[in-house]
Protein backbone atom coordinates (compact mmCIF):
# COMPACT_ATOMS: atom_id res chain seq x y z
CA UNK A 1 118.67 35.87 97.75
CA UNK A 2 119.62 33.80 100.81
CA UNK A 3 116.87 31.61 102.25
CA UNK A 4 115.57 32.06 105.81
CA UNK A 5 117.51 29.16 107.33
CA UNK A 6 120.75 30.27 105.68
CA UNK A 7 120.13 33.85 106.76
CA UNK A 8 119.65 32.85 110.39
CA UNK A 9 122.84 30.83 110.36
CA UNK A 10 124.75 33.69 108.76
CA UNK A 11 123.42 36.26 111.23
CA UNK A 12 124.35 34.02 114.13
CA UNK A 13 127.88 33.76 112.77
CA UNK A 14 127.96 37.53 112.18
CA UNK A 15 126.91 38.06 115.78
CA UNK A 16 129.82 35.98 117.05
CA UNK A 17 132.25 37.94 114.90
CA UNK A 18 130.82 41.31 115.91
CA UNK A 19 130.97 40.37 119.57
CA UNK A 20 134.69 39.91 119.15
CA UNK A 21 135.11 43.25 117.40
CA UNK A 22 133.11 45.32 119.87
CA UNK A 23 132.89 48.87 118.53
CA UNK A 24 134.98 48.15 115.46
CA UNK A 25 133.33 48.75 112.12
CA UNK A 26 132.37 45.55 110.35
CA UNK A 27 135.33 44.83 108.11
CA UNK A 28 137.56 47.35 109.90
CA UNK A 29 139.87 46.34 112.71
CA UNK A 30 140.34 48.57 115.72
CA UNK A 31 143.65 50.45 115.70
CA UNK A 32 146.30 48.28 117.33
CA UNK A 33 148.67 49.23 120.09
CA UNK A 34 151.37 50.20 117.61
CA UNK A 35 149.25 53.01 116.20
CA UNK A 36 150.10 56.44 117.58
CA UNK A 37 146.76 57.95 116.55
CA UNK A 38 143.57 56.91 118.30
CA UNK A 39 141.46 57.68 115.25
CA UNK A 40 142.13 58.03 111.55
CA UNK A 41 140.68 60.66 109.25
CA UNK A 42 138.50 59.98 106.23
CA UNK A 43 136.85 62.46 103.87
CA UNK A 44 133.12 62.58 103.10
CA UNK A 45 132.28 63.47 99.51
CA UNK A 46 129.52 65.83 100.65
CA UNK A 47 132.28 68.24 101.63
CA UNK A 48 132.46 69.07 97.90
CA UNK A 49 128.77 68.97 97.07
CA UNK A 50 128.75 72.41 95.51
CA UNK A 51 131.72 71.68 93.25
CA UNK A 52 130.23 68.32 92.27
CA UNK A 53 126.74 69.62 91.58
CA UNK A 54 128.20 72.53 89.59
CA UNK A 55 130.35 70.23 87.49
CA UNK A 56 133.60 71.73 88.79
CA UNK A 57 134.68 68.36 90.18
CA UNK A 58 134.22 64.91 88.65
CA UNK A 59 133.06 62.22 91.03
CA UNK A 60 135.70 59.88 89.62
CA UNK A 61 138.39 62.34 90.76
CA UNK A 62 137.23 62.46 94.38
CA UNK A 63 139.72 59.87 95.64
CA UNK A 64 142.56 61.67 93.85
CA UNK A 65 141.55 64.98 95.42
CA UNK A 66 141.39 63.40 98.89
CA UNK A 67 144.85 61.86 98.56
CA UNK A 68 146.77 64.49 96.60
CA UNK A 69 145.24 67.68 97.99
CA UNK A 70 144.64 66.71 101.62
CA UNK A 71 146.76 63.64 102.34
CA UNK A 72 143.65 61.62 103.26
CA UNK A 73 143.69 57.93 102.40
CA UNK A 74 140.06 56.97 103.07
CA UNK A 75 136.87 58.25 101.44
CA UNK A 76 133.13 58.16 102.06
CA UNK A 77 131.00 58.43 98.93
CA UNK A 78 127.54 59.97 98.46
CA UNK A 79 125.27 58.12 96.04
CA UNK A 80 123.79 61.37 94.70
CA UNK A 81 126.96 61.91 92.68
CA UNK A 82 126.75 58.59 90.84
CA UNK A 83 123.06 57.83 91.32
CA UNK A 84 122.61 55.95 88.03
CA UNK A 85 125.77 53.84 88.46
CA UNK A 86 124.77 51.52 91.29
CA UNK A 87 124.80 48.48 89.01
CA UNK A 88 127.28 49.74 86.41
CA UNK A 89 130.11 47.27 86.89
CA UNK A 90 132.47 49.11 84.54
CA UNK A 91 131.98 52.44 86.31
CA UNK A 92 132.33 50.93 89.77
CA UNK A 93 135.37 49.03 88.56
CA UNK A 94 136.95 52.30 87.45
CA UNK A 95 136.24 53.82 90.88
CA UNK A 96 137.85 50.83 92.54
CA UNK A 97 140.89 50.90 90.25
CA UNK A 98 141.53 54.59 90.85
CA UNK A 99 141.43 54.05 94.60
CA UNK A 100 143.73 51.05 94.37
CA UNK A 101 146.22 52.99 92.24
CA UNK A 102 146.26 55.77 94.84
CA UNK A 103 146.23 53.57 97.93
CA UNK A 104 142.89 55.06 99.01
CA UNK A 105 140.33 53.05 100.97
CA UNK A 106 136.64 53.23 100.00
CA UNK A 107 134.90 53.22 103.38
CA UNK A 108 131.19 53.50 102.68
CA UNK A 109 128.46 54.99 100.51
CA UNK A 110 125.95 57.43 101.99
CA UNK A 111 122.52 56.64 100.52
CA UNK A 112 119.85 59.28 99.92
CA UNK A 113 116.78 59.45 97.70
CA UNK A 114 115.87 55.77 97.73
CA UNK A 115 112.67 56.05 99.75
CA UNK A 116 111.83 56.09 103.44
CA UNK A 117 112.82 52.95 105.31
CA UNK A 118 110.12 53.83 107.84
CA UNK A 119 107.39 54.63 105.31
CA UNK A 120 103.89 54.25 106.76
CA UNK A 121 102.80 52.43 103.59
CA UNK A 122 104.10 48.85 103.84
CA UNK A 123 104.45 48.53 100.07
CA UNK A 124 106.42 51.79 99.82
CA UNK A 125 108.58 50.70 102.74
CA UNK A 126 109.36 47.41 101.02
CA UNK A 127 110.24 49.26 97.83
CA UNK A 128 112.61 51.53 99.79
CA UNK A 129 114.22 48.50 101.44
CA UNK A 130 114.77 46.82 98.09
CA UNK A 131 116.14 50.03 96.56
CA UNK A 132 118.99 49.85 99.06
CA UNK A 133 120.09 46.35 98.07
CA UNK A 134 121.96 47.53 94.98
CA UNK A 135 123.97 49.96 97.10
CA UNK A 136 124.96 47.22 99.54
CA UNK A 137 126.37 45.34 96.57
CA UNK A 138 128.02 48.44 95.10
CA UNK A 139 129.77 49.31 98.37
CA UNK A 140 130.89 45.71 98.74
CA UNK A 141 132.36 45.74 95.22
CA UNK A 142 134.27 48.94 96.01
CA UNK A 143 135.78 47.36 99.10
CA UNK A 144 133.65 49.29 101.58
CA UNK A 145 132.40 47.98 104.88
CA UNK A 146 129.00 49.73 104.99
CA UNK A 147 126.25 51.83 103.55
CA UNK A 148 124.85 54.78 105.46
CA UNK A 149 121.06 55.00 105.41
CA UNK A 150 118.37 57.28 106.81
CA UNK A 151 115.58 56.36 109.23
CA UNK A 152 112.85 58.66 107.91
CA UNK A 153 109.26 57.92 108.90
CA UNK A 154 105.94 59.50 109.82
CA UNK A 155 103.40 58.96 112.58
CA UNK A 156 103.67 58.92 116.34
CA UNK A 157 106.94 58.44 118.20
CA UNK A 158 106.29 54.70 118.64
CA UNK A 159 104.89 54.19 115.14
CA UNK A 160 107.97 55.75 113.61
CA UNK A 161 110.23 53.67 115.84
CA UNK A 162 108.50 50.45 114.80
CA UNK A 163 108.40 51.31 111.09
CA UNK A 164 112.00 52.50 110.89
CA UNK A 165 113.19 49.42 112.78
CA UNK A 166 111.29 47.16 110.37
CA UNK A 167 112.82 48.73 107.27
CA UNK A 168 116.30 48.93 108.75
CA UNK A 169 116.18 45.33 109.94
CA UNK A 170 115.39 44.10 106.44
CA UNK A 171 118.19 46.11 104.86
CA UNK A 172 120.45 44.94 107.66
CA UNK A 173 119.62 41.31 106.97
CA UNK A 174 120.52 41.79 103.33
CA UNK A 175 123.71 43.57 104.36
CA UNK A 176 124.54 40.69 106.65
CA UNK A 177 124.39 38.29 103.72
CA UNK A 178 127.19 40.31 102.13
CA UNK A 179 129.19 40.87 105.35
CA UNK A 180 128.29 44.56 105.15
CA UNK A 181 127.24 46.97 107.88
CA UNK A 182 124.16 49.17 107.59
CA UNK A 183 124.53 52.33 109.64
CA UNK A 184 122.09 55.14 110.37
CA UNK A 185 122.95 58.82 110.62
CA UNK A 186 121.06 61.33 112.71
CA UNK A 187 119.60 63.21 109.77
CA UNK A 188 116.64 65.31 110.85
CA UNK A 189 113.27 64.66 112.45
CA UNK A 190 113.11 61.92 115.05
CA UNK A 191 116.38 60.45 113.76
CA UNK A 192 118.04 63.49 115.36
CA UNK A 193 116.68 62.40 118.73
CA UNK A 194 119.46 60.29 120.20
CA UNK A 195 117.15 58.33 122.47
CA UNK A 196 114.78 57.48 119.62
CA UNK A 197 117.51 56.39 117.20
CA UNK A 198 119.23 54.33 119.90
CA UNK A 199 115.90 52.60 120.58
CA UNK A 200 115.53 51.87 116.84
CA UNK A 201 118.95 50.21 116.72
CA UNK A 202 118.18 48.17 119.83
CA UNK A 203 114.87 47.05 118.34
CA UNK A 204 116.59 46.00 115.10
CA UNK A 205 118.95 43.87 117.14
CA UNK A 206 121.42 42.99 114.37
CA UNK A 207 125.17 43.15 115.03
CA UNK A 208 125.87 44.66 111.61
CA UNK A 209 123.39 47.53 112.15
CA UNK A 210 124.60 50.59 113.98
CA UNK A 211 124.91 54.34 113.87
CA UNK A 212 126.96 57.04 112.22
CA UNK A 213 126.79 59.90 114.74
CA UNK A 214 127.06 63.28 113.03
CA UNK A 215 128.27 66.19 115.16
CA UNK A 216 125.86 68.69 113.62
CA UNK A 217 122.64 67.01 112.45
CA UNK A 218 120.37 67.50 115.44
CA UNK A 219 117.51 69.50 113.91
CA UNK A 220 114.27 67.98 115.17
CA UNK A 221 112.15 70.31 113.04
CA UNK A 222 109.88 73.24 113.85
CA UNK A 223 112.83 75.17 115.24
CA UNK A 224 113.73 72.54 117.83
CA UNK A 225 117.28 71.28 118.35
CA UNK A 226 118.39 68.18 120.22
CA UNK A 227 121.47 68.65 122.39
CA UNK A 228 124.31 67.52 120.12
CA UNK A 229 126.60 66.36 122.91
CA UNK A 230 123.85 64.32 124.56
CA UNK A 231 122.84 62.92 121.17
CA UNK A 232 126.34 61.83 120.18
CA UNK A 233 126.88 60.26 123.61
CA UNK A 234 123.65 58.27 123.18
CA UNK A 235 124.60 57.10 119.69
CA UNK A 236 128.26 56.22 120.30
CA UNK A 237 127.60 52.78 121.84
CA UNK A 238 126.30 51.72 118.40
CA UNK A 239 128.75 53.71 116.26
CA UNK A 240 130.56 52.06 113.37
CA UNK A 241 131.60 55.40 111.82
CA UNK A 242 131.54 59.04 112.94
CA UNK A 243 130.94 62.22 110.94
CA UNK A 244 132.94 65.28 111.98
CA UNK A 245 130.53 67.92 110.68
CA UNK A 246 131.85 71.48 110.42
CA UNK A 247 130.40 74.80 109.27
CA UNK A 248 132.49 77.77 110.33
CA UNK A 249 135.58 78.56 112.36
CA UNK A 250 136.78 81.34 114.65
CA UNK A 251 140.14 83.09 114.42
CA UNK A 252 141.74 80.38 116.56
CA UNK A 253 140.61 77.63 114.21
CA UNK A 254 137.87 76.28 116.45
CA UNK A 255 134.52 75.20 115.01
CA UNK A 256 131.93 77.76 116.07
CA UNK A 257 128.89 75.51 116.49
CA UNK A 258 130.59 72.44 117.99
CA UNK A 259 133.16 72.25 120.76
CA UNK A 260 135.40 69.69 119.07
CA UNK A 261 137.41 68.95 122.20
CA UNK A 262 134.25 68.16 124.14
CA UNK A 263 132.81 66.15 121.26
CA UNK A 264 135.95 64.14 120.56
CA UNK A 265 136.29 63.34 124.25
CA UNK A 266 132.80 61.82 124.11
CA UNK A 267 133.89 59.77 121.10
CA UNK A 268 137.12 58.65 122.74
CA UNK A 269 135.53 57.84 126.09
CA UNK A 270 133.04 55.58 124.26
CA UNK A 271 135.98 53.40 123.24
CA UNK A 272 135.73 54.28 119.55
CA UNK A 273 138.98 53.69 117.65
CA UNK A 274 138.17 53.92 113.97
CA UNK A 275 137.71 56.68 111.36
CA UNK A 276 136.27 60.17 111.75
CA UNK A 277 135.00 61.52 108.45
CA UNK A 278 135.43 65.19 107.61
CA UNK A 279 132.13 66.62 106.37
CA UNK A 280 132.46 70.35 105.75
CA UNK A 281 129.11 71.96 105.05
CA UNK A 282 129.79 75.66 105.60
CA UNK A 283 129.78 78.66 103.29
CA UNK A 284 132.11 81.06 105.11
CA UNK A 285 135.15 79.25 103.74
CA UNK A 286 135.54 77.64 100.34
CA UNK A 287 135.06 73.89 100.28
CA UNK A 288 138.83 73.22 100.00
CA UNK A 289 139.62 75.65 102.83
CA UNK A 290 136.81 74.25 104.98
CA UNK A 291 138.15 70.73 104.59
CA UNK A 292 141.66 71.90 105.47
CA UNK A 293 140.43 73.79 108.53
CA UNK A 294 138.50 70.75 109.75
CA UNK A 295 141.49 68.46 109.25
CA UNK A 296 143.80 70.80 111.17
CA UNK A 297 141.30 71.00 114.02
CA UNK A 298 140.84 67.24 114.17
CA UNK A 299 144.58 66.67 114.21
CA UNK A 300 145.10 69.25 116.95
CA UNK A 301 142.39 67.89 119.23
CA UNK A 302 143.42 64.30 118.51
CA UNK A 303 146.90 65.13 119.79
CA UNK A 304 145.51 66.92 122.84
CA UNK A 305 143.39 63.92 123.80
CA UNK A 306 145.97 61.26 122.96
């Protein structure tokens, strides 16, 4: 592990680099002027969670499915589908090889089930922080630029803010040692409050820590919903990735719960020029059809807003 003096020097250097990149994801350059598309499309593995949990799809085949079935050249993994492989160099090496053979980019790993980074118990919080280290290293080995984490906590508004910021800062410092970003998704509870999560990121104050705004995860609990458009707008200044969540579509191919044109305009106006990850979570269409419908919608609105 890097010592304190080395860490400070590294973070200072990281800050200078990040300042030059602006909203670009750490390790991912902003699209240049020659690009015709203002964002690229990636595919989140959660889009196939039913097939994966049911054993109808092998995690190792995910990159092949993304490329061959949908023409998508960038993937976002979910650690639940290879939970016991975080330190398995042979398995990770096989994942990396398959992507390289296909010309598919491994963008990030979404991390769940490793403890609450804002746990009220300091010892449990430290354990959660340390549980994330292996995934930083795994994503780095795969060629990713980030891990996606959650900011779960308990207590008052301010207590949760302070606790989540503490846990996230420590994971972020470790990520910084590996030139990796640590990004937080709005994922229920106070993390679905755009103002709260923005305040957490500001309190962390690390250039490699940011957000992964999700179009649909704004359930505050107890039947309360945060305004998704307001929330995404609040989170976009810190965004290093974006999740295009979808559930169901009308006859015209529009997502029923989210006005994609309005949402993508918020993303574009924020100056974001990186990947949008398809994350189909509906049950009206099959997982393959839901992914296709989301891709078609993204491509249509992207062209409209170009």
